[in-house]
Amino acid sequence: MTENNFKIEPRGFLFIDLQASMEKVDRLGLLAYSSFINVCFNTLEKIRQNFPNIEVHQYAGDGVILTWTATETTAQAIACFQQFLNALEAEASFFEEEYQTTPSFSAAINWGEAVESSLGGFRVFYGNAINSTARLQSLCSHYEQNLILGEAVLTACPGLELVYLNRVYLKGMTTAMEIYGLPDN
């Protein structure tokens, strides 16, 4: 894709973010924290490789954005995140021994049209699908969920058992969106 060459396509996004990251940086120090987050993201990458249709769009600080283009991959993204949480939980004693803390991540998934472009040699996405996913992720602590899903996930994953959380107006959006969690989340 070249500069100013835009492509509109349906796309799913998964935003994953470390909870209490500033507290962990302050407590661990920058180098130990960097090792801590690197172990977490290496764990995620090993799991993500089992889902070849899901790609890393960007690592940014204590978060990562995953993306995909096939609607059926949305269920795989949910499974990928759940496997990531399970793997971290299985390694809790390692994290406690090595870092005196354990990682806790929250995430959001949404689906919709996005514009793909290139800017300065980097692939970028624009549109409500990516913007709303970021806003949804910020609601996880309010709703006490480690994963929040936008209403478009219902269409992308028919038959998926979800728990209705609320109808919300996300910052910057003029229409309300229904949001969902997973049972036992």
C-alpha atoms as a PDB file:
ATOM      1  CA  MET A   1       0.000   0.000   0.000  1.00  0.00           C
ATOM      2  CA  THR A   2       1.413   3.388  -0.959  1.00  0.00           C
ATOM      3  CA  GLU A   3       0.962   6.850   0.550  1.00  0.00           C
ATOM      4  CA  ASN A   4      -2.563   8.191  -0.019  1.00  0.00           C
ATOM      5  CA  ASN A   5      -3.732   4.797  -1.276  1.00  0.00           C
ATOM      6  CA  PHE A   6      -6.786   4.039   0.837  1.00  0.00           C
ATOM      7  CA  LYS A   7      -8.610   0.738   1.078  1.00  0.00           C
ATOM      8  CA  ILE A   8     -11.917   0.256   2.895  1.00  0.00           C
ATOM      9  CA  GLU A   9     -12.528  -3.227   4.254  1.00  0.00           C
ATOM     10  CA  PRO A  10     -14.415  -4.955   7.041  1.00  0.00           C
ATOM     11  CA  ARG A  11     -11.989  -5.626   9.857  1.00  0.00           C
ATOM     12  CA  GLY A  12     -11.954  -6.834  13.435  1.00  0.00           C
ATOM     13  CA  PHE A  13      -9.842  -5.323  16.178  1.00  0.00           C
ATOM     14  CA  LEU A  14      -8.742  -6.628  19.564  1.00  0.00           C
ATOM     15  CA  PHE A  15      -7.203  -4.091  21.943  1.00  0.00           C
ATOM     16  CA  ILE A  16      -5.350  -5.665  24.878  1.00  0.00           C
ATOM     17  CA  ASP A  17      -4.067  -3.487  27.717  1.00  0.00           C
ATOM     18  CA  LEU A  18      -2.145  -4.205  30.923  1.00  0.00           C
ATOM     19  CA  GLN A  19      -4.007  -3.070  34.029  1.00  0.00           C
ATOM     20  CA  ALA A  20      -2.235  -0.951  36.680  1.00  0.00           C
ATOM     21  CA  SER A  21       0.787  -0.508  34.430  1.00  0.00           C
ATOM     22  CA  MET A  22       1.964   2.764  36.006  1.00  0.00           C
ATOM     23  CA  GLU A  23       1.894   1.157  39.441  1.00  0.00           C
ATOM     24  CA  LYS A  24       3.943  -1.750  38.091  1.00  0.00           C
ATOM     25  CA  VAL A  25       6.505   0.604  36.504  1.00  0.00           C
ATOM     26  CA  ASP A  26       6.849   2.522  39.783  1.00  0.00           C
ATOM     27  CA  ARG A  27       7.206  -0.638  41.848  1.00  0.00           C
ATOM     28  CA  LEU A  28       9.445  -2.658  39.522  1.00  0.00           C
ATOM     29  CA  GLY A  29      11.531   0.071  37.941  1.00  0.00           C
ATOM     30  CA  LEU A  30      11.747   0.575  34.208  1.00  0.00           C
ATOM     31  CA  LEU A  31      14.109  -2.289  33.327  1.00  0.00           C
ATOM     32  CA  ALA A  32      12.346  -4.951  35.409  1.00  0.00           C
ATOM     33  CA  TYR A  33       8.986  -3.685  34.131  1.00  0.00           C
ATOM     34  CA  SER A  34      10.257  -3.938  30.554  1.00  0.00           C
ATOM     35  CA  SER A  35      11.248  -7.539  31.218  1.00  0.00           C
ATOM     36  CA  PHE A  36       7.827  -8.183  32.801  1.00  0.00           C
ATOM     37  CA  ILE A  37       5.826  -6.800  29.863  1.00  0.00           C
ATOM     38  CA  ASN A  38       8.137  -8.542  27.399  1.00  0.00           C
ATOM     39  CA  VAL A  39       7.413 -11.915  29.032  1.00  0.00           C
ATOM     40  CA  CYS A  40       3.689 -11.152  28.779  1.00  0.00           C
ATOM     41  CA  PHE A  41       3.854 -10.168  25.120  1.00  0.00           C
ATOM     42  CA  ASN A  42       6.052 -13.155  24.241  1.00  0.00           C
ATOM     43  CA  THR A  43       3.376 -15.352  25.816  1.00  0.00           C
ATOM     44  CA  LEU A  44       0.719 -13.622  23.724  1.00  0.00           C
ATOM     45  CA  GLU A  45       2.774 -14.008  20.554  1.00  0.00           C
ATOM     46  CA  LYS A  46       3.220 -17.756  21.085  1.00  0.00           C
ATOM     47  CA  ILE A  47      -0.542 -18.108  21.431  1.00  0.00           C
ATOM     48  CA  ARG A  48      -1.327 -15.781  18.534  1.00  0.00           C
ATOM     49  CA  GLN A  49       0.767 -17.936  16.211  1.00  0.00           C
ATOM     50  CA  ASN A  50      -1.890 -20.638  16.658  1.00  0.00           C
ATOM     51  CA  PHE A  51      -4.349 -18.245  15.004  1.00  0.00           C
ATOM     52  CA  PRO A  52      -2.753 -17.447  11.619  1.00  0.00           C
ATOM     53  CA  ASN A  53      -5.586 -15.147  10.498  1.00  0.00           C
ATOM     54  CA  ILE A  54      -4.951 -12.794  13.413  1.00  0.00           C
ATOM     55  CA  GLU A  55      -2.084 -10.377  12.958  1.00  0.00           C
ATOM     56  CA  VAL A  56      -0.368  -7.883  15.220  1.00  0.00           C
ATOM     57  CA  HIS A  57      -1.099  -4.371  14.071  1.00  0.00           C
ATOM     58  CA  GLN A  58       0.866  -2.568  16.750  1.00  0.00           C
ATOM     59  CA  TYR A  59       2.523  -2.886  20.134  1.00  0.00           C
ATOM     60  CA  ALA A  60       2.306   0.397  22.031  1.00  0.00           C
ATOM     61  CA  GLY A  61       3.662   0.666  25.549  1.00  0.00           C
ATOM     62  CA  ASP A  62       1.685  -1.751  27.691  1.00  0.00           C
ATOM     63  CA  GLY A  63      -0.864  -2.591  25.012  1.00  0.00           C
ATOM     64  CA  VAL A  64      -1.222  -4.418  21.740  1.00  0.00           C
ATOM     65  CA  ILE A  65      -3.686  -4.185  18.869  1.00  0.00           C
ATOM     66  CA  LEU A  66      -4.538  -7.333  16.924  1.00  0.00           C
ATOM     67  CA  THR A  67      -6.551  -7.288  13.695  1.00  0.00           C
ATOM     68  CA  TRP A  68      -8.147  -9.629  11.130  1.00  0.00           C
ATOM     69  CA  THR A  69     -10.401  -9.474   8.077  1.00  0.00           C
ATOM     70  CA  ALA A  70     -12.637 -12.568   8.147  1.00  0.00           C
ATOM     71  CA  THR A  71     -15.753 -12.421  10.332  1.00  0.00           C
ATOM     72  CA  GLU A  72     -15.307 -16.022  11.434  1.00  0.00           C
ATOM     73  CA  THR A  73     -11.906 -15.068  12.870  1.00  0.00           C
ATOM     74  CA  THR A  74     -13.647 -12.941  15.514  1.00  0.00           C
ATOM     75  CA  ALA A  75     -14.440 -16.058  17.561  1.00  0.00           C
ATOM     76  CA  GLN A  76     -10.765 -17.028  17.233  1.00  0.00           C
ATOM     77  CA  ALA A  77      -9.753 -13.614  18.597  1.00  0.00           C
ATOM     78  CA  ILE A  78     -11.914 -14.218  21.660  1.00  0.00           C
ATOM     79  CA  ALA A  79     -10.289 -17.639  22.093  1.00  0.00           C
ATOM     80  CA  CYS A  80      -6.823 -16.123  21.614  1.00  0.00           C
ATOM     81  CA  PHE A  81      -7.401 -13.597  24.398  1.00  0.00           C
ATOM     82  CA  GLN A  82      -8.860 -16.231  26.734  1.00  0.00           C
ATOM     83  CA  GLN A  83      -5.899 -18.551  26.093  1.00  0.00           C
ATOM     84  CA  PHE A  84      -3.557 -15.632  26.810  1.00  0.00           C
ATOM     85  CA  LEU A  85      -5.231 -14.998  30.174  1.00  0.00           C
ATOM     86  CA  ASN A  86      -5.137 -18.722  30.994  1.00  0.00           C
ATOM     87  CA  ALA A  87      -1.433 -18.939  30.116  1.00  0.00           C
ATOM     88  CA  LEU A  88      -0.625 -15.956  32.335  1.00  0.00           C
ATOM     89  CA  GLU A  89      -2.640 -17.460  35.177  1.00  0.00           C
ATOM     90  CA  ALA A  90      -0.755 -20.745  34.782  1.00  0.00           C
ATOM     91  CA  GLU A  91       2.497 -18.789  35.154  1.00  0.00           C
ATOM     92  CA  ALA A  92       1.343 -16.763  38.175  1.00  0.00           C
ATOM     93  CA  SER A  93       3.917 -18.355  40.499  1.00  0.00           C
ATOM     94  CA  PHE A  94       6.708 -17.466  38.050  1.00  0.00           C
ATOM     95  CA  PHE A  95       5.546 -13.843  37.929  1.00  0.00           C
ATOM     96  CA  GLU A  96       5.228 -13.659  41.728  1.00  0.00           C
ATOM     97  CA  GLU A  97       8.707 -15.105  42.226  1.00  0.00           C
ATOM     98  CA  GLU A  98      10.401 -13.074  39.500  1.00  0.00           C
ATOM     99  CA  TYR A  99       8.510  -9.762  39.750  1.00  0.00           C
ATOM    100  CA  GLN A 100       6.476  -9.940  43.002  1.00  0.00           C
ATOM    101  CA  THR A 101       3.335  -9.187  40.974  1.00  0.00           C
ATOM    102  CA  THR A 102       1.117 -10.862  38.412  1.00  0.00           C
ATOM    103  CA  PRO A 103      -0.162  -9.419  35.142  1.00  0.00           C
ATOM    104  CA  SER A 104      -3.801  -8.571  34.636  1.00  0.00           C
ATOM    105  CA  PHE A 105      -5.034  -7.586  31.181  1.00  0.00           C
ATOM    106  CA  SER A 106      -8.310  -6.228  29.879  1.00  0.00           C
ATOM    107  CA  ALA A 107      -9.438  -6.117  26.285  1.00  0.00           C
ATOM    108  CA  ALA A 108     -12.144  -5.168  23.841  1.00  0.00           C
ATOM    109  CA  ILE A 109     -13.197  -6.574  20.496  1.00  0.00           C
ATOM    110  CA  ASN A 110     -15.217  -4.894  17.808  1.00  0.00           C
ATOM    111  CA  TRP A 111     -15.871  -5.384  14.128  1.00  0.00           C
ATOM    112  CA  GLY A 112     -16.703  -3.008  11.280  1.00  0.00           C
ATOM    113  CA  GLU A 113     -15.441  -1.083   8.289  1.00  0.00           C
ATOM    114  CA  ALA A 114     -11.980   0.427   8.535  1.00  0.00           C
ATOM    115  CA  VAL A 115      -9.836   2.407   6.158  1.00  0.00           C
ATOM    116  CA  GLU A 116      -6.345   1.024   5.664  1.00  0.00           C
ATOM    117  CA  SER A 117      -3.604   3.345   4.501  1.00  0.00           C
ATOM    118  CA  SER A 118       0.118   3.877   4.719  1.00  0.00           C
ATOM    119  CA  LEU A 119       1.749   6.762   6.540  1.00  0.00           C
ATOM    120  CA  GLY A 120       5.498   7.155   6.681  1.00  0.00           C
ATOM    121  CA  GLY A 121       5.947   3.507   5.757  1.00  0.00           C
ATOM    122  CA  PHE A 122       3.625   2.319   8.530  1.00  0.00           C
ATOM    123  CA  ARG A 123       0.278   0.654   7.981  1.00  0.00           C
ATOM    124  CA  VAL A 124      -2.504   2.636   9.658  1.00  0.00           C
ATOM    125  CA  PHE A 125      -6.240   2.152  10.163  1.00  0.00           C
ATOM    126  CA  TYR A 126      -8.964   4.768  10.514  1.00  0.00           C
ATOM    127  CA  GLY A 127     -12.649   4.627  11.296  1.00  0.00           C
ATOM    128  CA  ASN A 128     -15.223   3.808  13.921  1.00  0.00           C
ATOM    129  CA  ALA A 129     -14.266   0.128  14.113  1.00  0.00           C
ATOM    130  CA  ILE A 130     -10.813   0.861  15.522  1.00  0.00           C
ATOM    131  CA  ASN A 131     -11.843   3.975  17.467  1.00  0.00           C
ATOM    132  CA  SER A 132     -14.763   2.243  19.163  1.00  0.00           C
ATOM    133  CA  THR A 133     -12.594  -0.729  20.143  1.00  0.00           C
ATOM    134  CA  ALA A 134     -10.237   1.605  22.007  1.00  0.00           C
ATOM    135  CA  ARG A 135     -13.180   3.272  23.761  1.00  0.00           C
ATOM    136  CA  LEU A 136     -14.700  -0.111  24.662  1.00  0.00           C
ATOM    137  CA  GLN A 137     -11.458  -1.294  26.237  1.00  0.00           C
ATOM    138  CA  SER A 138     -11.487   1.749  28.519  1.00  0.00           C
ATOM    139  CA  LEU A 139     -14.861   0.569  29.936  1.00  0.00           C
ATOM    140  CA  CYS A 140     -13.589  -2.788  31.222  1.00  0.00           C
ATOM    141  CA  SER A 141     -12.913  -1.685  34.795  1.00  0.00           C
ATOM    142  CA  HIS A 142     -16.225   0.191  35.046  1.00  0.00           C
ATOM    143  CA  TYR A 143     -18.159  -2.943  34.065  1.00  0.00           C
ATOM    144  CA  GLU A 144     -15.752  -5.263  35.934  1.00  0.00           C
ATOM    145  CA  GLN A 145     -15.023  -7.223  32.763  1.00  0.00           C
ATOM    146  CA  ASN A 146     -11.716  -8.388  31.381  1.00  0.00           C
ATOM    147  CA  LEU A 147     -13.254  -8.434  27.883  1.00  0.00           C
ATOM    148  CA  ILE A 148     -15.930  -6.171  26.403  1.00  0.00           C
ATOM    149  CA  LEU A 149     -17.398  -6.804  22.975  1.00  0.00           C
ATOM    150  CA  GLY A 150     -19.166  -4.331  20.709  1.00  0.00           C
ATOM    151  CA  GLU A 151     -22.568  -5.167  19.257  1.00  0.00           C
ATOM    152  CA  ALA A 152     -21.057  -5.930  15.836  1.00  0.00           C
ATOM    153  CA  VAL A 153     -19.551  -9.071  17.381  1.00  0.00           C
ATOM    154  CA  LEU A 154     -23.091 -10.511  17.532  1.00  0.00           C
ATOM    155  CA  THR A 155     -23.202 -10.466  13.739  1.00  0.00           C
ATOM    156  CA  ALA A 156     -19.629 -11.705  13.375  1.00  0.00           C
ATOM    157  CA  CYS A 157     -20.180 -14.565  15.858  1.00  0.00           C
ATOM    158  CA  PRO A 158     -23.760 -15.799  15.618  1.00  0.00           C
ATOM    159  CA  GLY A 159     -24.546 -18.236  18.381  1.00  0.00           C
ATOM    160  CA  LEU A 160     -21.858 -16.928  20.715  1.00  0.00           C
ATOM    161  CA  GLU A 161     -23.188 -16.765  24.267  1.00  0.00           C
ATOM    162  CA  LEU A 162     -22.822 -13.187  25.493  1.00  0.00           C
ATOM    163  CA  VAL A 163     -24.019 -11.216  28.498  1.00  0.00           C
ATOM    164  CA  TYR A 164     -25.649  -7.859  27.786  1.00  0.00           C
ATOM    165  CA  LEU A 165     -23.920  -5.079  29.745  1.00  0.00           C
ATOM    166  CA  ASN A 166     -25.443  -1.799  28.592  1.00  0.00           C
ATOM    167  CA  ARG A 167     -26.228   0.571  25.762  1.00  0.00           C
ATOM    168  CA  VAL A 168     -23.600   3.321  25.759  1.00  0.00           C
ATOM    169  CA  TYR A 169     -22.616   6.427  23.864  1.00  0.00           C
ATOM    170  CA  LEU A 170     -18.901   6.130  23.303  1.00  0.00           C
ATOM    171  CA  LYS A 171     -16.859   9.322  23.321  1.00  0.00           C
ATOM    172  CA  GLY A 172     -17.050  11.028  19.940  1.00  0.00           C
ATOM    173  CA  MET A 173     -19.878   8.855  18.615  1.00  0.00           C
ATOM    174  CA  THR A 174     -23.398  10.100  17.906  1.00  0.00           C
ATOM    175  CA  THR A 175     -25.220   6.771  18.115  1.00  0.00           C
ATOM    176  CA  ALA A 176     -25.413   4.409  21.058  1.00  0.00           C
ATOM    177  CA  MET A 177     -23.838   0.961  20.961  1.00  0.00           C
ATOM    178  CA  GLU A 178     -24.815  -2.142  22.868  1.00  0.00           C
ATOM    179  CA  ILE A 179     -21.918  -3.723  24.713  1.00  0.00           C
ATOM    180  CA  TYR A 180     -21.503  -7.290  25.884  1.00  0.00           C
ATOM    181  CA  GLY A 181     -19.299  -9.442  28.048  1.00  0.00           C
ATOM    182  CA  LEU A 182     -18.729 -13.161  28.234  1.00  0.00           C
ATOM    183  CA  PRO A 183     -20.423 -15.366  30.822  1.00  0.00           C
ATOM    184  CA  ASP A 184     -18.176 -15.884  33.872  1.00  0.00           C
ATOM    185  CA  ASN A 185     -15.965 -13.003  32.752  1.00  0.00           C
END
